[in-house]
Amino acid sequence: MKKTNSKYKASLASILALFFAHSNFATADDAIKRLLELQLKKGIITQQEYDEFMEVTNSAVQQTPARVEAPTKSNKSTNVANAAAPIDGTQGVSLIDNDSLKLEVFGTVDVSVGYTSQSLVPSGEMPTSIGPWISGGVKYPTTTFIPGYPSSNMGSQAGLFNSALSTSSWGIKASRDLGEGKKAFILLDSAFNPVTGQLIDQAHNQSINSKYPTTAYSTSSLNGQLFSKEAYVGLSDRETGRITFGRNNNFILDVMNGYAPLQKAGLFTPYGNGVYGGGGGISENARVDNSVKYTNKYGNINIGLMHGFGGSGGLKHGAEGTAGVVGYETDRYGVQLVYEEFKDLLKTGIDDTIANSIDLTAYDQKALVLMGKYKLNERTRIQLGGQQAKMVNPTSDSNIANISSIYGETVTKSSAYNGDAVKVNTYHLGFDYAATEKLKLGAAYTLIDLPKYDYISSGTKHYLGGNISAISGLMTYQLYKGTDLYGGFVSTHYSGDAFANTTKYIYMHNIFTAATGVRFRF
């Protein structure tokens, strides 16, 4: 009987320990101890039983996990709930995590083995190492700038490519709980090339291509900044939304991250590296410096407003503008509409007259984007969308002609665009299919329409117009959460008068690019 009572009392002590451990009483351990001491003093339990009780109680309390507050149910967007989460959904590794402060490091490393039928030598500073999405087409001069060129540089290329699926980057994010559903947070995100260890610096890549091309090139908003993808501080509230201050993604880029086909793959879609996929015709505008950005969600409706205060290139109105987004999304379908207007956007270009320099052209810009996605069934979904970007003569500013450097690079010529409106129309249709829980397949067709226009540059010149069409495919296999194997291809075709003119260049009208690699995210 004594033995039975001891077992009963030990069980009771365990139950009491668990109860107090999960309660809000800060002095649970003391309460149990005082209760046992009273029982010992009155002879209800023996000293041996007291010691046994204390051993069981201490063990139970130490092994019980700390109480975790249940999240407050809210219909607000994940951007508000996870205030400092980067847009690509990486989770992050916690460095500090307590009641008031959370600090994490996150990153993506994406490396592939690839082949392209026509390109210049891969670049260690370009987002995707090679660039099949140059709006002028992959081309080489009809006259050679160096002995043996172009045979030594132009042709098929094979090697390690960066960011074929997602941009390689690393960063830190932190948030502080301010109570009552409010948070303060920061995010700093740095794009780099793991193949060479260099920061992505497209402006410098263009500069070293200035006299004669030795590496591939295309425009980008990643120009050697330490935190080139995003860098901001912000505040969020469960009810009133989220606001950030600093270097923010353009809403076009945000929408494409969730609505473009093939996961907006860097190498396999025209949207990947920002030329057509983020800045509304001028890729440097895919990220907006010196800007404030507000987002919120009401049920299935999301809204956003962003304003750039200007100052780019030392111009008063340089990259000054406003953008807005409104959308509706359910588990079955979603649609997003973006409109923006910016002044004095500076577009970088190659200067083939002076080595190690670039040219700048300033434009005013307007862009309209409409994109949707629809889940046909549990395995299949489609993406459909289009955008029009319109570039016109910039706001009058005499300082445009006096810009001597930007992104740390020498500017040979800086000028205001003068001519007809430049329009870029882009359309896409994509399909995703989940063959299994881990294996995903996708295909897409993209058409880029570049209409004719006249412009003045040492006399009237004519852009003859043309089209770029692309058929793409992608397969991804999830080895483990955050670790994916993939393979993809894109077949690109350049057509129209602009790509038939051989006065200065010989154009490659068909380019095939393929790669297979691994993406690791944390």
Protein backbone atom coordinates (compact mmCIF):
# COMPACT_ATOMS: atom_id res chain seq x y z
CA MET A 1 0.00 0.00 0.00
CA LYS A 2 2.84 2.29 0.86
CA LYS A 3 4.42 1.60 -2.52
CA THR A 4 1.13 2.31 -4.27
CA ASN A 5 0.73 5.60 -2.44
CA SER A 6 4.25 6.61 -3.40
CA LYS A 7 3.50 5.99 -7.08
CA TYR A 8 0.26 7.93 -6.75
CA LYS A 9 1.96 10.87 -5.06
CA ALA A 10 4.78 10.87 -7.61
CA SER A 11 2.23 10.98 -10.43
CA LEU A 12 0.38 13.77 -8.68
CA ALA A 13 3.61 15.74 -8.37
CA SER A 14 4.26 15.32 -12.08
CA ILE A 15 0.78 16.56 -12.93
CA LEU A 16 1.17 19.55 -10.64
CA ALA A 17 4.56 20.34 -12.16
CA LEU A 18 3.19 20.27 -15.70
CA PHE A 19 0.21 22.40 -14.69
CA PHE A 20 2.35 25.08 -13.12
CA ALA A 21 4.87 24.98 -15.98
CA HIS A 22 2.11 25.80 -18.51
CA SER A 23 0.42 28.36 -16.27
CA ASN A 24 1.16 32.07 -16.07
CA PHE A 25 2.49 31.82 -12.48
CA ALA A 26 6.05 33.08 -12.39
CA THR A 27 6.64 31.33 -9.04
CA ALA A 28 5.37 27.86 -9.98
CA ASP A 29 8.47 26.10 -8.66
CA ASP A 30 8.19 27.85 -5.27
CA ALA A 31 4.49 27.03 -4.94
CA ILE A 32 5.14 23.29 -5.45
CA LYS A 33 8.04 23.35 -3.01
CA ARG A 34 5.99 25.08 -0.28
CA LEU A 35 3.15 22.58 -0.74
CA LEU A 36 5.49 19.63 -0.33
CA GLU A 37 7.24 21.17 2.67
CA LEU A 38 3.84 21.59 4.39
CA GLN A 39 2.98 17.95 3.73
CA LEU A 40 6.36 16.87 5.13
CA LYS A 41 5.93 19.00 8.25
CA LYS A 42 2.48 17.50 8.99
CA GLY A 43 3.71 13.98 8.41
CA ILE A 44 1.60 13.37 5.33
CA ILE A 45 4.73 12.38 3.36
CA THR A 46 8.16 11.12 4.45
CA GLN A 47 11.53 12.74 3.78
CA GLN A 48 12.22 10.08 1.15
CA GLU A 49 8.93 10.80 -0.56
CA TYR A 50 9.64 14.54 -0.40
CA ASP A 51 13.01 14.01 -2.12
CA GLU A 52 11.36 11.81 -4.76
CA PHE A 53 8.68 14.46 -5.35
CA MET A 54 11.30 17.19 -5.79
CA GLU A 55 13.35 15.08 -8.21
CA VAL A 56 10.30 14.28 -10.36
CA THR A 57 9.02 17.88 -10.21
CA ASN A 58 12.32 19.49 -11.19
CA SER A 59 12.76 17.05 -14.05
CA ALA A 60 9.25 17.68 -15.39
CA VAL A 61 9.58 21.45 -15.19
CA GLN A 62 12.99 21.51 -16.89
CA GLN A 63 11.81 19.29 -19.76
CA THR A 64 8.59 21.22 -20.42
CA PRO A 65 9.00 23.65 -23.34
CA ALA A 66 8.49 27.33 -22.75
CA ARG A 67 4.99 28.60 -23.28
CA VAL A 68 4.44 29.98 -26.78
CA GLU A 69 1.81 32.62 -27.42
CA ALA A 70 -0.67 31.60 -30.11
CA PRO A 71 -0.67 34.01 -33.04
CA THR A 72 -3.53 36.40 -33.23
CA LYS A 73 -5.85 35.50 -36.06
CA SER A 74 -5.70 38.13 -38.78
CA ASN A 75 -6.67 38.47 -42.40
CA LYS A 76 -3.78 40.82 -43.09
CA SER A 77 -1.06 40.08 -45.62
CA THR A 78 1.97 37.95 -44.88
CA ASN A 79 4.11 41.03 -45.53
CA VAL A 80 2.59 42.56 -42.41
CA ALA A 81 2.69 39.41 -40.30
CA ASN A 82 6.28 38.66 -41.33
CA ALA A 83 7.41 42.23 -41.48
CA ALA A 84 11.02 41.77 -42.51
CA ALA A 85 10.61 38.74 -44.78
CA PRO A 86 12.31 39.09 -48.16
CA ILE A 87 10.03 38.85 -51.15
CA ASP A 88 11.41 35.54 -52.42
CA GLY A 89 10.18 33.66 -49.34
CA THR A 90 13.51 32.61 -47.83
CA GLN A 91 13.12 31.68 -44.19
CA GLY A 92 16.37 32.74 -42.55
CA VAL A 93 18.53 31.27 -39.79
CA SER A 94 17.85 32.80 -36.39
CA LEU A 95 20.76 34.49 -34.62
CA ILE A 96 18.73 36.21 -31.91
CA ASP A 97 15.17 35.28 -30.99
CA ASN A 98 13.61 36.54 -27.79
CA ASP A 99 10.40 38.21 -26.70
CA SER A 100 11.28 41.57 -28.27
CA LEU A 101 13.97 41.08 -30.94
CA LYS A 102 14.44 38.64 -33.81
CA LEU A 103 17.60 38.73 -35.96
CA GLU A 104 18.16 36.37 -38.90
CA VAL A 105 20.59 35.77 -41.73
CA PHE A 106 19.17 34.48 -45.02
CA GLY A 107 20.41 33.72 -48.49
CA THR A 108 20.20 31.99 -51.85
CA VAL A 109 23.04 30.32 -53.75
CA ASP A 110 22.11 29.27 -57.29
CA VAL A 111 24.74 27.70 -59.56
CA SER A 112 24.23 25.75 -62.79
CA VAL A 113 26.16 24.10 -65.57
CA GLY A 114 24.94 25.61 -68.82
CA TYR A 115 25.30 26.02 -72.56
CA THR A 116 24.26 28.72 -74.99
CA SER A 117 24.52 28.55 -78.75
CA GLN A 118 25.58 32.18 -79.17
CA SER A 119 27.08 34.55 -76.64
CA LEU A 120 30.15 36.41 -75.57
CA VAL A 121 32.35 35.06 -72.77
CA PRO A 122 30.42 34.73 -69.47
CA SER A 123 30.72 37.58 -66.97
CA GLY A 124 31.51 37.32 -63.26
CA GLU A 125 29.52 40.50 -62.55
CA MET A 126 26.32 39.96 -64.50
CA PRO A 127 23.30 38.45 -62.69
CA THR A 128 23.01 35.42 -64.98
CA SER A 129 26.64 35.22 -66.25
CA ILE A 130 25.39 35.33 -69.85
CA GLY A 131 22.68 37.52 -71.38
CA PRO A 132 20.32 36.12 -73.98
CA TRP A 133 17.91 39.03 -73.33
CA ILE A 134 19.82 41.97 -74.82
CA SER A 135 17.15 44.09 -76.52
CA GLY A 136 19.46 44.78 -79.46
CA GLY A 137 20.03 41.07 -79.95
CA VAL A 138 23.23 39.13 -79.49
CA LYS A 139 25.46 40.67 -82.13
CA TYR A 140 29.04 41.29 -83.16
CA PRO A 141 30.62 44.11 -85.21
CA THR A 142 31.15 43.77 -88.95
CA THR A 143 34.67 45.13 -88.38
CA THR A 144 37.04 43.66 -85.79
CA PHE A 145 38.25 45.80 -82.90
CA ILE A 146 40.97 43.34 -81.88
CA PRO A 147 42.88 40.67 -83.79
CA GLY A 148 40.90 37.46 -84.04
CA TYR A 149 37.64 39.01 -82.86
CA PRO A 150 34.87 37.88 -83.04
CA SER A 151 35.95 34.26 -83.54
CA SER A 152 37.82 34.21 -80.22
CA ASN A 153 34.90 35.56 -78.17
CA MET A 154 31.64 35.11 -80.05
CA GLY A 155 30.13 31.67 -80.44
CA SER A 156 28.76 28.89 -78.29
CA GLN A 157 29.64 29.06 -74.60
CA ALA A 158 29.56 26.46 -71.85
CA GLY A 159 30.41 26.77 -68.18
CA LEU A 160 29.13 27.59 -64.72
CA PHE A 161 26.30 30.14 -64.75
CA ASN A 162 24.98 32.16 -61.82
CA SER A 163 21.31 32.66 -60.92
CA ALA A 164 19.71 30.62 -63.68
CA LEU A 165 16.65 30.16 -61.44
CA SER A 166 16.92 32.71 -58.59
CA THR A 167 19.31 35.59 -57.92
CA SER A 168 22.13 34.52 -55.60
CA SER A 169 22.22 36.82 -52.59
CA TRP A 170 22.68 36.95 -48.84
CA GLY A 171 21.33 39.32 -46.25
CA ILE A 172 20.14 40.05 -42.77
CA LYS A 173 16.68 40.86 -41.49
CA ALA A 174 15.56 41.90 -38.04
CA SER A 175 12.28 42.76 -36.38
CA ARG A 176 11.34 44.11 -32.97
CA ASP A 177 7.93 43.49 -31.44
CA LEU A 178 6.44 46.80 -30.31
CA GLY A 179 3.32 45.21 -28.86
CA GLU A 180 -0.34 45.30 -29.86
CA GLY A 181 0.38 43.91 -33.34
CA LYS A 182 3.07 46.48 -34.18
CA LYS A 183 6.65 45.82 -35.36
CA ALA A 184 9.76 47.68 -36.44
CA PHE A 185 12.05 45.91 -38.88
CA ILE A 186 14.98 46.15 -41.31
CA LEU A 187 16.11 44.19 -44.37
CA LEU A 188 19.49 44.31 -46.15
CA ASP A 189 19.94 42.05 -49.20
CA SER A 190 23.18 41.75 -51.23
CA ALA A 191 23.38 40.15 -54.71
CA PHE A 192 26.59 38.28 -55.58
CA ASN A 193 28.00 35.67 -57.95
CA PRO A 194 29.09 32.50 -56.09
CA VAL A 195 31.00 31.32 -59.17
CA THR A 196 33.48 34.22 -58.87
CA GLY A 197 32.72 35.69 -55.42
CA GLN A 198 32.02 39.13 -56.92
CA LEU A 199 29.18 41.50 -56.19
CA ILE A 200 26.74 41.79 -59.09
CA ASP A 201 27.85 45.01 -60.81
CA GLN A 202 26.27 45.41 -64.21
CA ALA A 203 27.43 49.01 -64.69
CA HIS A 204 31.06 47.92 -64.34
CA ASN A 205 30.39 44.94 -66.60
CA GLN A 206 29.15 47.35 -69.28
CA SER A 207 32.14 49.62 -68.72
CA ILE A 208 34.70 46.89 -69.40
CA ASN A 209 32.78 46.01 -72.57
CA SER A 210 33.01 49.58 -73.83
CA LYS A 211 35.81 49.40 -76.41
CA TYR A 212 35.35 45.80 -77.49
CA PRO A 213 33.12 43.18 -75.92
CA THR A 214 34.86 40.49 -73.93
CA THR A 215 31.91 39.41 -71.77
CA ALA A 216 28.17 39.27 -72.16
CA TYR A 217 26.19 42.30 -71.06
CA SER A 218 22.66 43.49 -70.44
CA THR A 219 21.07 46.17 -68.28
CA SER A 220 20.21 45.62 -64.64
CA SER A 221 19.31 47.42 -61.41
CA LEU A 222 22.14 45.59 -59.59
CA ASN A 223 25.15 47.87 -60.00
CA GLY A 224 27.68 47.05 -57.30
CA GLN A 225 25.78 48.41 -54.31
CA LEU A 226 26.66 46.42 -51.16
CA PHE A 227 22.96 45.75 -50.59
CA SER A 228 21.76 46.00 -54.18
CA LYS A 229 18.52 43.98 -54.02
CA GLU A 230 16.84 45.83 -51.15
CA ALA A 231 17.84 47.95 -48.17
CA TYR A 232 15.19 49.49 -45.94
CA VAL A 233 13.83 50.15 -42.45
CA GLY A 234 10.12 49.88 -41.78
CA LEU A 235 7.15 49.75 -39.46
CA SER A 236 4.10 47.49 -39.59
CA ASP A 237 0.77 47.24 -37.85
CA ARG A 238 -1.68 44.37 -38.05
CA GLU A 239 -4.50 46.70 -39.00
CA THR A 240 -2.97 49.71 -40.75
CA GLY A 241 -0.35 47.93 -42.89
CA ARG A 242 3.34 48.14 -43.63
CA ILE A 243 5.61 51.05 -44.60
CA THR A 244 9.29 50.94 -45.60
CA PHE A 245 11.92 53.62 -46.19
CA GLY A 246 15.06 53.21 -48.33
CA ARG A 247 15.85 51.14 -51.44
CA ASN A 248 12.61 49.34 -52.32
CA ASN A 249 11.51 46.92 -55.01
CA ASN A 250 9.36 48.46 -57.73
CA PHE A 251 5.78 47.10 -57.58
CA ILE A 252 6.26 45.64 -61.06
CA LEU A 253 9.10 43.50 -59.69
CA ASP A 254 6.99 42.48 -56.68
CA VAL A 255 4.09 41.38 -58.88
CA MET A 256 6.33 39.46 -61.27
CA ASN A 257 7.93 37.58 -58.38
CA GLY A 258 4.52 36.01 -57.76
CA TYR A 259 2.83 36.10 -61.19
CA ALA A 260 5.50 35.62 -63.87
CA PRO A 261 5.80 32.15 -65.43
CA LEU A 262 8.53 29.66 -64.52
CA GLN A 263 9.19 31.32 -61.16
CA LYS A 264 10.59 34.36 -63.05
CA ALA A 265 13.67 32.23 -63.75
CA GLY A 266 16.73 34.41 -64.33
CA LEU A 267 18.14 32.57 -67.34
CA PHE A 268 15.03 30.96 -68.81
CA THR A 269 12.58 33.87 -69.08
CA PRO A 270 12.86 37.43 -70.45
CA TYR A 271 11.58 38.66 -67.08
CA GLY A 272 14.46 37.13 -65.15
CA ASN A 273 17.20 39.73 -65.03
CA GLY A 274 15.14 42.91 -65.00
CA VAL A 275 15.50 44.11 -68.60
CA TYR A 276 11.80 43.55 -69.15
CA GLY A 277 10.84 42.19 -65.77
CA GLY A 278 10.82 44.91 -63.17
CA GLY A 279 11.49 48.47 -64.22
CA GLY A 280 8.81 49.21 -66.78
CA GLY A 281 11.11 49.31 -69.79
CA ILE A 282 14.15 50.67 -67.94
CA SER A 283 15.66 47.95 -65.81
CA GLU A 284 17.56 50.36 -63.56
CA ASN A 285 14.11 51.29 -62.17
CA ALA A 286 13.39 47.76 -60.91
CA ARG A 287 14.60 49.03 -57.53
CA VAL A 288 13.91 52.59 -56.40
CA ASP A 289 16.40 54.45 -54.20
CA ASN A 290 15.34 57.16 -51.77
CA SER A 291 11.77 55.88 -51.69
CA VAL A 292 8.90 55.22 -49.29
CA LYS A 293 6.58 52.26 -49.89
CA TYR A 294 3.25 51.37 -48.27
CA THR A 295 1.33 48.08 -48.57
CA ASN A 296 -1.72 46.59 -46.88
CA LYS A 297 -4.33 43.89 -47.37
CA TYR A 298 -8.06 43.84 -46.66
CA GLY A 299 -9.39 40.33 -46.97
CA ASN A 300 -8.51 39.24 -50.51
CA ILE A 301 -7.73 42.78 -51.71
CA ASN A 302 -4.17 44.14 -51.62
CA ILE A 303 -3.11 47.73 -52.21
CA GLY A 304 0.18 49.57 -52.36
CA LEU A 305 1.62 53.03 -53.01
CA MET A 306 5.26 54.06 -53.48
CA HIS A 307 6.97 57.40 -54.03
CA GLY A 308 10.56 58.00 -55.10
CA PHE A 309 11.96 61.37 -54.02
CA GLY A 310 14.55 61.61 -56.81
CA GLY A 311 18.21 62.59 -56.68
CA SER A 312 19.57 59.82 -58.92
CA GLY A 313 22.68 60.92 -60.83
CA GLY A 314 22.67 64.21 -58.95
CA LEU A 315 19.52 65.33 -60.77
CA LYS A 316 16.77 67.04 -58.80
CA HIS A 317 14.11 64.86 -60.44
CA GLY A 318 16.34 61.85 -61.14
CA ALA A 319 14.12 58.75 -60.66
CA GLU A 320 11.43 60.84 -58.99
CA GLY A 321 8.02 59.26 -59.38
CA THR A 322 5.01 57.44 -58.02
CA ALA A 323 3.73 53.89 -58.44
CA GLY A 324 0.61 52.09 -57.25
CA VAL A 325 -0.71 48.54 -57.19
CA VAL A 326 -4.12 47.03 -56.54
CA GLY A 327 -4.96 43.36 -56.67
CA TYR A 328 -7.35 40.61 -55.71
CA GLU A 329 -6.21 37.09 -54.85
CA THR A 330 -7.79 33.89 -53.58
CA ASP A 331 -6.50 30.33 -53.35
CA ARG A 332 -7.91 29.73 -56.86
CA TYR A 333 -6.99 32.86 -58.79
CA GLY A 334 -5.40 36.29 -58.59
CA VAL A 335 -5.07 39.48 -60.63
CA GLN A 336 -2.73 42.48 -60.13
CA LEU A 337 -2.68 45.92 -61.75
CA VAL A 338 0.32 48.28 -61.52
CA TYR A 339 0.66 51.82 -62.87
CA GLU A 340 3.68 54.10 -62.48
CA GLU A 341 5.19 57.37 -63.71
CA PHE A 342 8.83 58.40 -63.20
CA LYS A 343 10.93 61.38 -64.30
CA ASP A 344 14.54 61.54 -65.51
CA LEU A 345 15.28 57.85 -65.35
CA LEU A 346 18.89 57.16 -66.33
CA LYS A 347 19.48 54.20 -68.61
CA THR A 348 23.06 52.94 -68.88
CA GLY A 349 24.53 51.83 -72.19
CA ILE A 350 27.72 50.77 -73.89
CA ASP A 351 30.11 53.42 -75.22
CA ASP A 352 32.14 51.78 -77.99
CA THR A 353 34.40 54.79 -78.56
CA ILE A 354 36.23 55.05 -75.21
CA ALA A 355 37.43 52.16 -73.07
CA ASN A 356 36.18 51.69 -69.50
CA SER A 357 33.23 54.04 -69.70
CA ILE A 358 29.48 54.03 -70.22
CA ASP A 359 26.84 56.28 -71.77
CA LEU A 360 23.68 57.55 -70.07
CA THR A 361 20.33 58.48 -71.60
CA ALA A 362 17.59 60.17 -69.55
CA TYR A 363 13.89 59.43 -70.12
CA ASP A 364 10.54 60.17 -68.55
CA GLN A 365 8.59 56.93 -68.25
CA LYS A 366 5.10 55.53 -67.80
CA ALA A 367 4.22 51.86 -67.41
CA LEU A 368 1.04 49.80 -67.04
CA VAL A 369 1.11 46.12 -66.00
CA LEU A 370 -1.77 43.65 -65.76
CA MET A 371 -1.08 40.07 -64.67
CA GLY A 372 -3.19 37.15 -63.54
CA LYS A 373 -2.94 33.52 -62.51
CA TYR A 374 -5.54 30.78 -62.28
CA LYS A 375 -5.52 27.32 -60.74
CA LEU A 376 -7.21 24.95 -63.19
CA ASN A 377 -7.07 22.07 -60.69
CA GLU A 378 -4.93 20.91 -57.78
CA ARG A 379 -2.00 20.18 -60.11
CA THR A 380 -2.21 22.77 -62.90
CA ARG A 381 -2.18 26.55 -63.00
CA ILE A 382 -1.72 29.14 -65.72
CA GLN A 383 -0.22 32.63 -65.80
CA LEU A 384 -1.30 35.30 -68.25
CA GLY A 385 -0.24 38.93 -68.48
CA GLY A 386 1.08 41.91 -70.35
CA GLN A 387 2.66 45.29 -69.88
CA GLN A 388 3.33 48.45 -71.83
CA ALA A 389 6.25 50.70 -71.05
CA LYS A 390 6.49 54.13 -72.66
CA MET A 391 9.66 56.25 -72.61
CA VAL A 392 9.56 59.90 -73.76
CA ASN A 393 11.68 63.06 -73.64
CA PRO A 394 12.72 63.75 -70.03
CA THR A 395 11.94 66.68 -67.79
CA SER A 396 14.05 69.69 -68.79
CA ASP A 397 17.25 69.76 -66.73
CA SER A 398 20.53 71.21 -68.04
CA ASN A 399 22.48 69.04 -65.60
CA ILE A 400 21.58 65.87 -67.53
CA ALA A 401 24.41 66.63 -69.98
CA ASN A 402 26.92 67.12 -67.15
CA ILE A 403 26.81 63.74 -65.39
CA SER A 404 30.39 62.48 -65.33
CA SER A 405 30.03 59.31 -63.27
CA ILE A 406 27.39 56.97 -61.89
CA TYR A 407 27.65 53.75 -59.84
CA GLY A 408 31.39 54.48 -59.63
CA GLU A 409 31.81 54.32 -63.42
CA THR A 410 33.03 57.04 -65.80
CA VAL A 411 30.32 58.46 -68.05
CA THR A 412 31.54 59.47 -71.51
CA LYS A 413 28.26 60.90 -72.75
CA SER A 414 25.12 61.83 -70.83
CA SER A 415 22.15 63.13 -72.79
CA ALA A 416 18.41 63.68 -72.69
CA TYR A 417 16.44 61.49 -75.06
CA ASN A 418 14.98 63.46 -77.96
CA GLY A 419 12.58 61.70 -80.29
CA ASP A 420 9.34 59.79 -80.69
CA ALA A 421 7.90 57.83 -77.79
CA VAL A 422 9.69 54.51 -77.30
CA LYS A 423 7.17 51.77 -76.54
CA VAL A 424 7.87 48.25 -75.32
CA ASN A 425 4.95 45.80 -75.23
CA THR A 426 5.42 42.47 -73.49
CA TYR A 427 3.02 39.51 -73.24
CA HIS A 428 3.30 36.07 -71.68
CA LEU A 429 1.41 32.81 -71.24
CA GLY A 430 2.69 30.18 -68.82
CA PHE A 431 1.73 26.77 -67.43
CA ASP A 432 2.84 25.02 -64.24
CA TYR A 433 2.15 21.34 -63.50
CA ALA A 434 2.83 19.53 -60.23
CA ALA A 435 3.69 15.98 -61.35
CA THR A 436 4.30 14.99 -57.71
CA GLU A 437 4.60 16.82 -54.42
CA LYS A 438 8.29 17.43 -55.15
CA LEU A 439 8.49 17.45 -58.96
CA LYS A 440 7.23 20.57 -60.78
CA LEU A 441 7.13 21.18 -64.54
CA GLY A 442 6.53 24.43 -66.41
CA ALA A 443 6.40 25.93 -69.89
CA ALA A 444 5.98 29.49 -71.14
CA TYR A 445 5.75 31.65 -74.26
CA THR A 446 6.83 35.30 -74.14
CA LEU A 447 6.57 37.94 -76.85
CA ILE A 448 8.33 41.31 -76.74
CA ASP A 449 7.16 43.85 -79.32
CA LEU A 450 9.52 46.76 -80.09
CA PRO A 451 7.69 49.24 -82.40
CA LYS A 452 9.34 51.68 -84.80
CA TYR A 453 10.35 55.20 -83.72
CA ASP A 454 12.55 58.10 -84.82
CA TYR A 455 15.05 59.90 -82.61
CA ILE A 456 17.60 62.69 -82.95
CA SER A 457 21.25 61.91 -82.33
CA SER A 458 23.66 63.67 -84.71
CA GLY A 459 20.82 63.76 -87.20
CA THR A 460 17.55 61.89 -87.33
CA LYS A 461 17.87 58.13 -86.85
CA HIS A 462 15.30 55.40 -87.14
CA TYR A 463 14.69 52.34 -85.00
CA LEU A 464 13.18 49.92 -87.48
CA GLY A 465 11.17 47.83 -85.05
CA GLY A 466 11.17 44.12 -84.33
CA ASN A 467 10.06 41.27 -82.10
CA ILE A 468 11.70 38.92 -79.61
CA SER A 469 9.85 35.67 -78.94
CA ALA A 470 10.84 32.98 -76.47
CA ILE A 471 9.71 29.43 -75.73
CA SER A 472 10.85 28.24 -72.30
CA GLY A 473 10.70 25.11 -70.16
CA LEU A 474 11.62 24.38 -66.56
CA MET A 475 11.70 21.33 -64.28
CA THR A 476 12.41 21.57 -60.53
CA TYR A 477 12.78 18.80 -57.97
CA GLN A 478 12.77 19.52 -54.25
CA LEU A 479 15.43 17.40 -52.58
CA TYR A 480 14.63 18.94 -49.22
CA LYS A 481 13.01 22.13 -47.99
CA GLY A 482 15.15 24.96 -49.36
CA THR A 483 17.22 22.70 -51.65
CA ASP A 484 16.16 22.21 -55.28
CA LEU A 485 17.58 20.60 -58.39
CA TYR A 486 16.45 22.10 -61.70
CA GLY A 487 16.88 22.01 -65.44
CA GLY A 488 15.61 24.49 -67.99
CA PHE A 489 15.92 25.84 -71.49
CA VAL A 490 14.90 28.82 -73.58
CA SER A 491 14.79 29.15 -77.36
CA THR A 492 14.86 32.78 -78.42
CA HIS A 493 14.05 34.19 -81.85
CA TYR A 494 14.77 37.75 -83.02
CA SER A 495 12.78 38.99 -86.02
CA GLY A 496 11.94 42.24 -87.80
CA ASP A 497 13.80 44.96 -89.63
CA ALA A 498 15.78 46.10 -86.58
CA PHE A 499 17.56 42.74 -86.45
CA ALA A 500 18.11 42.50 -90.20
CA ASN A 501 20.19 45.66 -90.56
CA THR A 502 23.83 44.66 -91.09
CA THR A 503 25.29 48.14 -91.57
CA LYS A 504 27.26 47.91 -88.32
CA TYR A 505 26.42 44.56 -86.76
CA ILE A 506 25.81 40.95 -87.69
CA TYR A 507 22.89 39.59 -85.66
CA MET A 508 22.25 36.15 -84.28
CA HIS A 509 18.54 35.52 -84.95
CA ASN A 510 18.15 32.24 -83.05
CA ILE A 511 19.71 31.45 -79.69
CA PHE A 512 19.27 28.30 -77.64
CA THR A 513 20.24 28.29 -73.97
CA ALA A 514 20.00 25.44 -71.44
CA ALA A 515 21.29 24.78 -67.93
CA THR A 516 20.91 22.39 -65.01
CA GLY A 517 21.82 23.29 -61.46
CA VAL A 518 21.12 23.44 -57.77
CA ARG A 519 19.51 26.17 -55.68
CA PHE A 520 20.12 26.29 -51.92
CA ARG A 521 18.06 28.68 -49.82
CA PHE A 522 18.11 29.35 -46.09
